[in-house]
Amino acid sequence: MNITELRPSDGRKSFYGKALVLTSDNKIQLQSYNTIVCEIENGNFKRLWGGYSATTMRHINAFIEAFNIQGGGKKWWDSLEVLG
């Protein structure tokens, strides 16, 4: 497994280690603080965490932008089924 820090897409300098991208053979996961919140598996985006916070939403928005996933924002997040 490869672990890298996620870079902000909103002009901030850093997430200061609070948002990590975990990459394995066929999965790319976003860890926000200590929780895996979503993943991309075989090209499909999956919501794994049923919660919401403004900070974690910034992490999710940067993650989906980095991997060219359509969506973003609270309304979009709330519309997704929790699969985890």
PDB file of N, CA and C in Angstrom:
ATOM      1  N   MET A   1       0.850  -1.182   0.000  1.00  0.00           N
ATOM      2  CA  MET A   1       0.000   0.000   0.000  1.00  0.00           C
ATOM      3  C   MET A   1       0.894   1.243   0.000  1.00  0.00           C
ATOM      4  N   ASN A   2       0.496   2.224  -0.783  1.00  0.00           N
ATOM      5  CA  ASN A   2       1.198   3.494  -0.858  1.00  0.00           C
ATOM      6  C   ASN A   2       0.346   4.558  -0.162  1.00  0.00           C
ATOM      7  N   ILE A   3       0.968   5.384   0.684  1.00  0.00           N
ATOM      8  CA  ILE A   3       0.257   6.440   1.415  1.00  0.00           C
ATOM      9  C   ILE A   3       0.882   7.785   1.067  1.00  0.00           C
ATOM     10  N   THR A   4       0.035   8.729   0.592  1.00  0.00           N
ATOM     11  CA  THR A   4       0.507  10.078   0.288  1.00  0.00           C
ATOM     12  C   THR A   4      -0.449  11.098   0.890  1.00  0.00           C
ATOM     13  N   GLU A   5       0.073  12.287   1.137  1.00  0.00           N
ATOM     14  CA  GLU A   5      -0.789  13.369   1.632  1.00  0.00           C
ATOM     15  C   GLU A   5      -1.574  13.954   0.466  1.00  0.00           C
ATOM     16  N   LEU A   6      -2.850  14.216   0.707  1.00  0.00           N
ATOM     17  CA  LEU A   6      -3.694  14.855  -0.293  1.00  0.00           C
ATOM     18  C   LEU A   6      -3.389  16.347  -0.319  1.00  0.00           C
ATOM     19  N   ARG A   7      -3.303  16.898  -1.506  1.00  0.00           N
ATOM     20  CA  ARG A   7      -3.080  18.341  -1.663  1.00  0.00           C
ATOM     21  C   ARG A   7      -4.410  19.058  -1.823  1.00  0.00           C
ATOM     22  N   PRO A   8      -4.568  20.193  -1.178  1.00  0.00           N
ATOM     23  CA  PRO A   8      -5.815  20.969  -1.320  1.00  0.00           C
ATOM     24  C   PRO A   8      -6.001  21.470  -2.752  1.00  0.00           C
ATOM     25  N   SER A   9      -7.256  21.625  -3.128  1.00  0.00           N
ATOM     26  CA  SER A   9      -7.571  22.167  -4.456  1.00  0.00           C
ATOM     27  C   SER A   9      -8.235  23.535  -4.344  1.00  0.00           C
ATOM     28  N   ASP A  10      -8.304  24.077  -3.118  1.00  0.00           N
ATOM     29  CA  ASP A  10      -9.028  25.331  -2.892  1.00  0.00           C
ATOM     30  C   ASP A  10      -8.114  26.499  -2.510  1.00  0.00           C
ATOM     31  N   GLY A  11      -6.825  26.391  -2.849  1.00  0.00           N
ATOM     32  CA  GLY A  11      -5.908  27.484  -2.579  1.00  0.00           C
ATOM     33  C   GLY A  11      -5.193  27.402  -1.232  1.00  0.00           C
ATOM     34  N   ARG A  12      -5.600  26.496  -0.376  1.00  0.00           N
ATOM     35  CA  ARG A  12      -4.911  26.316   0.906  1.00  0.00           C
ATOM     36  C   ARG A  12      -3.549  25.686   0.650  1.00  0.00           C
ATOM     37  N   LYS A  13      -2.639  25.884   1.585  1.00  0.00           N
ATOM     38  CA  LYS A  13      -1.293  25.344   1.417  1.00  0.00           C
ATOM     39  C   LYS A  13      -1.220  23.846   1.673  1.00  0.00           C
ATOM     40  N   SER A  14      -1.948  23.366   2.677  1.00  0.00           N
ATOM     41  CA  SER A  14      -1.836  21.969   3.077  1.00  0.00           C
ATOM     42  C   SER A  14      -3.034  21.568   3.923  1.00  0.00           C
ATOM     43  N   PHE A  15      -3.254  20.258   4.011  1.00  0.00           N
ATOM     44  CA  PHE A  15      -4.217  19.713   4.966  1.00  0.00           C
ATOM     45  C   PHE A  15      -3.488  19.243   6.228  1.00  0.00           C
ATOM     46  N   TYR A  16      -2.191  19.477   6.298  1.00  0.00           N
ATOM     47  CA  TYR A  16      -1.369  19.203   7.482  1.00  0.00           C
ATOM     48  C   TYR A  16      -1.462  17.760   7.954  1.00  0.00           C
ATOM     49  N   GLY A  17      -1.441  16.841   6.999  1.00  0.00           N
ATOM     50  CA  GLY A  17      -1.435  15.420   7.311  1.00  0.00           C
ATOM     51  C   GLY A  17      -2.776  14.851   7.730  1.00  0.00           C
ATOM     52  N   LYS A  18      -3.829  15.635   7.656  1.00  0.00           N
ATOM     53  CA  LYS A  18      -5.153  15.175   8.089  1.00  0.00           C
ATOM     54  C   LYS A  18      -5.951  14.510   6.969  1.00  0.00           C
ATOM     55  N   ALA A  19      -5.441  14.568   5.737  1.00  0.00           N
ATOM     56  CA  ALA A  19      -6.093  13.924   4.590  1.00  0.00           C
ATOM     57  C   ALA A  19      -5.041  13.117   3.832  1.00  0.00           C
ATOM     58  N   LEU A  20      -5.230  11.798   3.821  1.00  0.00           N
ATOM     59  CA  LEU A  20      -4.265  10.904   3.186  1.00  0.00           C
ATOM     60  C   LEU A  20      -4.926  10.111   2.070  1.00  0.00           C
ATOM     61  N   VAL A  21      -4.156   9.814   1.028  1.00  0.00           N
ATOM     62  CA  VAL A  21      -4.614   8.970  -0.068  1.00  0.00           C
ATOM     63  C   VAL A  21      -3.890   7.632   0.073  1.00  0.00           C
ATOM     64  N   LEU A  22      -4.669   6.561   0.206  1.00  0.00           N
ATOM     65  CA  LEU A  22      -4.143   5.213   0.362  1.00  0.00           C
ATOM     66  C   LEU A  22      -4.372   4.472  -0.950  1.00  0.00           C
ATOM     67  N   THR A  23      -3.304   4.038  -1.588  1.00  0.00           N
ATOM     68  CA  THR A  23      -3.398   3.395  -2.887  1.00  0.00           C
ATOM     69  C   THR A  23      -2.928   1.955  -2.796  1.00  0.00           C
ATOM     70  N   SER A  24      -3.776   1.030  -3.249  1.00  0.00           N
ATOM     71  CA  SER A  24      -3.399  -0.376  -3.345  1.00  0.00           C
ATOM     72  C   SER A  24      -3.651  -0.829  -4.778  1.00  0.00           C
ATOM     73  N   ASP A  25      -3.669  -2.131  -5.012  1.00  0.00           N
ATOM     74  CA  ASP A  25      -3.751  -2.653  -6.380  1.00  0.00           C
ATOM     75  C   ASP A  25      -4.898  -2.077  -7.197  1.00  0.00           C
ATOM     76  N   ASN A  26      -6.130  -2.137  -6.681  1.00  0.00           N
ATOM     77  CA  ASN A  26      -7.268  -1.667  -7.484  1.00  0.00           C
ATOM     78  C   ASN A  26      -8.141  -0.665  -6.731  1.00  0.00           C
ATOM     79  N   LYS A  27      -7.615  -0.106  -5.628  1.00  0.00           N
ATOM     80  CA  LYS A  27      -8.384   0.835  -4.815  1.00  0.00           C
ATOM     81  C   LYS A  27      -7.563   2.071  -4.506  1.00  0.00           C
ATOM     82  N   ILE A  28      -8.259   3.204  -4.502  1.00  0.00           N
ATOM     83  CA  ILE A  28      -7.679   4.462  -4.033  1.00  0.00           C
ATOM     84  C   ILE A  28      -8.646   4.984  -2.980  1.00  0.00           C
ATOM     85  N   GLN A  29      -8.179   5.096  -1.747  1.00  0.00           N
ATOM     86  CA  GLN A  29      -9.051   5.502  -0.650  1.00  0.00           C
ATOM     87  C   GLN A  29      -8.628   6.855  -0.096  1.00  0.00           C
ATOM     88  N   LEU A  30      -9.615   7.587   0.425  1.00  0.00           N
ATOM     89  CA  LEU A  30      -9.363   8.844   1.120  1.00  0.00           C
ATOM     90  C   LEU A  30      -9.564   8.625   2.608  1.00  0.00           C
ATOM     91  N   GLN A  31      -8.519   8.918   3.372  1.00  0.00           N
ATOM     92  CA  GLN A  31      -8.616   8.897   4.827  1.00  0.00           C
ATOM     93  C   GLN A  31      -8.619  10.337   5.317  1.00  0.00           C
ATOM     94  N   SER A  32      -9.713  10.738   5.952  1.00  0.00           N
ATOM     95  CA  SER A  32      -9.844  12.071   6.532  1.00  0.00           C
ATOM     96  C   SER A  32      -9.761  11.900   8.044  1.00  0.00           C
ATOM     97  N   TYR A  33      -8.776  12.532   8.646  1.00  0.00           N
ATOM     98  CA  TYR A  33      -8.451  12.287  10.053  1.00  0.00           C
ATOM     99  C   TYR A  33      -8.178  10.792  10.197  1.00  0.00           C
ATOM    100  N   ASN A  34      -8.917  10.045  10.952  1.00  0.00           N
ATOM    101  CA  ASN A  34      -8.649   8.610  11.129  1.00  0.00           C
ATOM    102  C   ASN A  34      -9.713   7.725  10.488  1.00  0.00           C
ATOM    103  N   THR A  35     -10.503   8.277   9.559  1.00  0.00           N
ATOM    104  CA  THR A  35     -11.622   7.548   8.976  1.00  0.00           C
ATOM    105  C   THR A  35     -11.482   7.447   7.461  1.00  0.00           C
ATOM    106  N   ILE A  36     -11.664   6.239   6.938  1.00  0.00           N
ATOM    107  CA  ILE A  36     -11.742   6.067   5.486  1.00  0.00           C
ATOM    108  C   ILE A  36     -13.143   6.520   5.077  1.00  0.00           C
ATOM    109  N   VAL A  37     -13.233   7.592   4.299  1.00  0.00           N
ATOM    110  CA  VAL A  37     -14.537   8.179   3.990  1.00  0.00           C
ATOM    111  C   VAL A  37     -15.068   7.802   2.616  1.00  0.00           C
ATOM    112  N   CYS A  38     -14.162   7.519   1.676  1.00  0.00           N
ATOM    113  CA  CYS A  38     -14.603   7.159   0.330  1.00  0.00           C
ATOM    114  C   CYS A  38     -13.464   6.469  -0.394  1.00  0.00           C
ATOM    115  N   GLU A  39     -13.812   5.873  -1.529  1.00  0.00           N
ATOM    116  CA  GLU A  39     -12.788   5.197  -2.319  1.00  0.00           C
ATOM    117  C   GLU A  39     -13.188   5.165  -3.784  1.00  0.00           C
ATOM    118  N   ILE A  40     -12.189   4.929  -4.593  1.00  0.00           N
ATOM    119  CA  ILE A  40     -12.385   4.667  -6.010  1.00  0.00           C
ATOM    120  C   ILE A  40     -11.871   3.251  -6.231  1.00  0.00           C
ATOM    121  N   GLU A  41     -12.765   2.371  -6.672  1.00  0.00           N
ATOM    122  CA  GLU A  41     -12.387   0.986  -6.931  1.00  0.00           C
ATOM    123  C   GLU A  41     -12.781   0.639  -8.353  1.00  0.00           C
ATOM    124  N   ASN A  42     -11.797   0.235  -9.131  1.00  0.00           N
ATOM    125  CA  ASN A  42     -12.019  -0.089 -10.549  1.00  0.00           C
ATOM    126  C   ASN A  42     -12.761   1.039 -11.266  1.00  0.00           C
ATOM    127  N   GLY A  43     -12.422   2.276 -10.942  1.00  0.00           N
ATOM    128  CA  GLY A  43     -12.999   3.441 -11.599  1.00  0.00           C
ATOM    129  C   GLY A  43     -14.327   3.919 -11.027  1.00  0.00           C
ATOM    130  N   ASN A  44     -14.873   3.212 -10.036  1.00  0.00           N
ATOM    131  CA  ASN A  44     -16.163   3.562  -9.445  1.00  0.00           C
ATOM    132  C   ASN A  44     -15.974   4.241  -8.090  1.00  0.00           C
ATOM    133  N   PHE A  45     -16.593   5.406  -7.917  1.00  0.00           N
ATOM    134  CA  PHE A  45     -16.523   6.134  -6.655  1.00  0.00           C
ATOM    135  C   PHE A  45     -17.531   5.557  -5.672  1.00  0.00           C
ATOM    136  N   LYS A  46     -17.105   5.361  -4.421  1.00  0.00           N
ATOM    137  CA  LYS A  46     -17.986   4.823  -3.380  1.00  0.00           C
ATOM    138  C   LYS A  46     -17.881   5.662  -2.113  1.00  0.00           C
ATOM    139  N   ARG A  47     -19.017   5.999  -1.558  1.00  0.00           N
ATOM    140  CA  ARG A  47     -19.074   6.667  -0.251  1.00  0.00           C
ATOM    141  C   ARG A  47     -19.064   5.584   0.820  1.00  0.00           C
ATOM    142  N   LEU A  48     -18.130   5.688   1.772  1.00  0.00           N
ATOM    143  CA  LEU A  48     -17.994   4.678   2.809  1.00  0.00           C
ATOM    144  C   LEU A  48     -18.353   5.190   4.203  1.00  0.00           C
ATOM    145  N   TRP A  49     -18.487   6.483   4.362  1.00  0.00           N
ATOM    146  CA  TRP A  49     -18.738   7.095   5.670  1.00  0.00           C
ATOM    147  C   TRP A  49     -20.066   7.832   5.623  1.00  0.00           C
ATOM    148  N   GLY A  50     -20.902   7.618   6.610  1.00  0.00           N
ATOM    149  CA  GLY A  50     -22.222   8.226   6.624  1.00  0.00           C
ATOM    150  C   GLY A  50     -22.277   9.620   7.192  1.00  0.00           C
ATOM    151  N   GLY A  51     -21.175  10.130   7.682  1.00  0.00           N
ATOM    152  CA  GLY A  51     -21.167  11.437   8.322  1.00  0.00           C
ATOM    153  C   GLY A  51     -20.896  12.584   7.362  1.00  0.00           C
ATOM    154  N   TYR A  52     -20.809  13.769   7.951  1.00  0.00           N
ATOM    155  CA  TYR A  52     -20.484  14.989   7.196  1.00  0.00           C
ATOM    156  C   TYR A  52     -19.806  15.973   8.130  1.00  0.00           C
ATOM    157  N   SER A  53     -18.772  16.619   7.648  1.00  0.00           N
ATOM    158  CA  SER A  53     -18.199  17.801   8.293  1.00  0.00           C
ATOM    159  C   SER A  53     -17.653  18.691   7.184  1.00  0.00           C
ATOM    160  N   ALA A  54     -17.608  19.971   7.435  1.00  0.00           N
ATOM    161  CA  ALA A  54     -17.130  20.908   6.417  1.00  0.00           C
ATOM    162  C   ALA A  54     -15.673  20.621   6.051  1.00  0.00           C
ATOM    163  N   THR A  55     -14.862  20.305   7.037  1.00  0.00           N
ATOM    164  CA  THR A  55     -13.444  20.036   6.764  1.00  0.00           C
ATOM    165  C   THR A  55     -13.289  18.761   5.938  1.00  0.00           C
ATOM    166  N   THR A  56     -13.983  17.711   6.324  1.00  0.00           N
ATOM    167  CA  THR A  56     -13.894  16.471   5.553  1.00  0.00           C
ATOM    168  C   THR A  56     -14.445  16.677   4.147  1.00  0.00           C
ATOM    169  N   MET A  57     -15.456  17.520   3.978  1.00  0.00           N
ATOM    170  CA  MET A  57     -15.969  17.802   2.639  1.00  0.00           C
ATOM    171  C   MET A  57     -14.908  18.481   1.795  1.00  0.00           C
ATOM    172  N   ARG A  58     -14.092  19.342   2.380  1.00  0.00           N
ATOM    173  CA  ARG A  58     -12.973  19.940   1.626  1.00  0.00           C
ATOM    174  C   ARG A  58     -11.991  18.854   1.190  1.00  0.00           C
ATOM    175  N   HIS A  59     -11.742  17.878   2.075  1.00  0.00           N
ATOM    176  CA  HIS A  59     -10.858  16.767   1.709  1.00  0.00           C
ATOM    177  C   HIS A  59     -11.467  15.978   0.546  1.00  0.00           C
ATOM    178  N   ILE A  60     -12.753  15.668   0.629  1.00  0.00           N
ATOM    179  CA  ILE A  60     -13.437  14.900  -0.420  1.00  0.00           C
ATOM    180  C   ILE A  60     -13.414  15.657  -1.743  1.00  0.00           C
ATOM    181  N   ASN A  61     -13.687  16.948  -1.706  1.00  0.00           N
ATOM    182  CA  ASN A  61     -13.676  17.753  -2.940  1.00  0.00           C
ATOM    183  C   ASN A  61     -12.300  17.730  -3.598  1.00  0.00           C
ATOM    184  N   ALA A  62     -11.234  17.832  -2.802  1.00  0.00           N
ATOM    185  CA  ALA A  62      -9.881  17.781  -3.356  1.00  0.00           C
ATOM    186  C   ALA A  62      -9.589  16.391  -3.937  1.00  0.00           C
ATOM    187  N   PHE A  63     -10.050  15.356  -3.262  1.00  0.00           N
ATOM    188  CA  PHE A  63      -9.847  13.972  -3.707  1.00  0.00           C
ATOM    189  C   PHE A  63     -10.531  13.732  -5.049  1.00  0.00           C
ATOM    190  N   ILE A  64     -11.804  14.109  -5.158  1.00  0.00           N
ATOM    191  CA  ILE A  64     -12.514  13.841  -6.412  1.00  0.00           C
ATOM    192  C   ILE A  64     -11.957  14.691  -7.562  1.00  0.00           C
ATOM    193  N   GLU A  65     -11.499  15.890  -7.236  1.00  0.00           N
ATOM    194  CA  GLU A  65     -10.888  16.716  -8.280  1.00  0.00           C
ATOM    195  C   GLU A  65      -9.579  16.095  -8.758  1.00  0.00           C
ATOM    196  N   ALA A  66      -8.784  15.578  -7.836  1.00  0.00           N
ATOM    197  CA  ALA A  66      -7.498  14.971  -8.188  1.00  0.00           C
ATOM    198  C   ALA A  66      -7.666  13.756  -9.099  1.00  0.00           C
ATOM    199  N   PHE A  67      -8.797  13.052  -8.956  1.00  0.00           N
ATOM    200  CA  PHE A  67      -9.019  11.830  -9.728  1.00  0.00           C
ATOM    201  C   PHE A  67     -10.142  11.959 -10.757  1.00  0.00           C
ATOM    202  N   ASN A  68     -10.483  13.208 -11.091  1.00  0.00           N
ATOM    203  CA  ASN A  68     -11.465  13.493 -12.155  1.00  0.00           C
ATOM    204  C   ASN A  68     -12.811  12.792 -11.954  1.00  0.00           C
ATOM    205  N   ILE A  69     -13.313  12.834 -10.730  1.00  0.00           N
ATOM    206  CA  ILE A  69     -14.627  12.297 -10.416  1.00  0.00           C
ATOM    207  C   ILE A  69     -15.608  13.463 -10.420  1.00  0.00           C
ATOM    208  N   GLN A  70     -16.737  13.308 -11.083  1.00  0.00           N
ATOM    209  CA  GLN A  70     -17.750  14.359 -11.126  1.00  0.00           C
ATOM    210  C   GLN A  70     -18.485  14.425  -9.790  1.00  0.00           C
ATOM    211  N   GLY A  71     -18.777  15.634  -9.338  1.00  0.00           N
ATOM    212  CA  GLY A  71     -19.539  15.817  -8.102  1.00  0.00           C
ATOM    213  C   GLY A  71     -18.892  16.869  -7.221  1.00  0.00           C
ATOM    214  N   GLY A  72     -19.258  16.831  -5.976  1.00  0.00           N
ATOM    215  CA  GLY A  72     -18.695  17.750  -4.998  1.00  0.00           C
ATOM    216  C   GLY A  72     -19.766  18.518  -4.260  1.00  0.00           C
ATOM    217  N   GLY A  73     -19.462  18.866  -3.042  1.00  0.00           N
ATOM    218  CA  GLY A  73     -20.369  19.646  -2.217  1.00  0.00           C
ATOM    219  C   GLY A  73     -21.293  18.788  -1.367  1.00  0.00           C
ATOM    220  N   LYS A  74     -21.901  19.419  -0.383  1.00  0.00           N
ATOM    221  CA  LYS A  74     -22.742  18.711   0.589  1.00  0.00           C
ATOM    222  C   LYS A  74     -23.964  18.058  -0.052  1.00  0.00           C
ATOM    223  N   LYS A  75     -24.645  18.755  -0.931  1.00  0.00           N
ATOM    224  CA  LYS A  75     -25.853  18.198  -1.556  1.00  0.00           C
ATOM    225  C   LYS A  75     -25.517  16.924  -2.327  1.00  0.00           C
ATOM    226  N   TRP A  76     -24.440  16.951  -3.084  1.00  0.00           N
ATOM    227  CA  TRP A  76     -23.991  15.779  -3.831  1.00  0.00           C
ATOM    228  C   TRP A  76     -23.639  14.654  -2.865  1.00  0.00           C
ATOM    229  N   TRP A  77     -22.847  14.966  -1.828  1.00  0.00           N
ATOM    230  CA  TRP A  77     -22.406  13.970  -0.839  1.00  0.00           C
ATOM    231  C   TRP A  77     -23.611  13.306  -0.176  1.00  0.00           C
ATOM    232  N   ASP A  78     -24.573  14.121   0.250  1.00  0.00           N
ATOM    233  CA  ASP A  78     -25.759  13.599   0.917  1.00  0.00           C
ATOM    234  C   ASP A  78     -26.619  12.714  -0.001  1.00  0.00           C
ATOM    235  N   SER A  79     -26.511  12.903  -1.308  1.00  0.00           N
ATOM    236  CA  SER A  79     -27.308  12.124  -2.250  1.00  0.00           C
ATOM    237  C   SER A  79     -26.731  10.735  -2.503  1.00  0.00           C
ATOM    238  N   LEU A  80     -25.487  10.507  -2.090  1.00  0.00           N
ATOM    239  CA  LEU A  80     -24.835   9.220  -2.335  1.00  0.00           C
ATOM    240  C   LEU A  80     -25.222   8.180  -1.290  1.00  0.00           C
ATOM    241  N   GLU A  81     -25.386   6.944  -1.735  1.00  0.00           N
ATOM    242  CA  GLU A  81     -25.640   5.851  -0.809  1.00  0.00           C
ATOM    243  C   GLU A  81     -24.350   5.502  -0.066  1.00  0.00           C
ATOM    244  N   VAL A  82     -24.457   5.232   1.226  1.00  0.00           N
ATOM    245  CA  VAL A  82     -23.304   4.820   2.029  1.00  0.00           C
ATOM    246  C   VAL A  82     -23.120   3.324   1.834  1.00  0.00           C
ATOM    247  N   LEU A  83     -21.956   2.942   1.321  1.00  0.00           N
ATOM    248  CA  LEU A  83     -21.711   1.547   0.998  1.00  0.00           C
ATOM    249  C   LEU A  83     -20.753   0.866   1.979  1.00  0.00           C
ATOM    250  N   GLY A  84     -20.251   1.581   2.930  1.00  0.00           N
ATOM    251  CA  GLY A  84     -19.259   0.999   3.833  1.00  0.00           C
ATOM    252  C   GLY A  84     -19.799   0.625   5.166  1.00  0.00           C
TER     253      GLY A  84
END
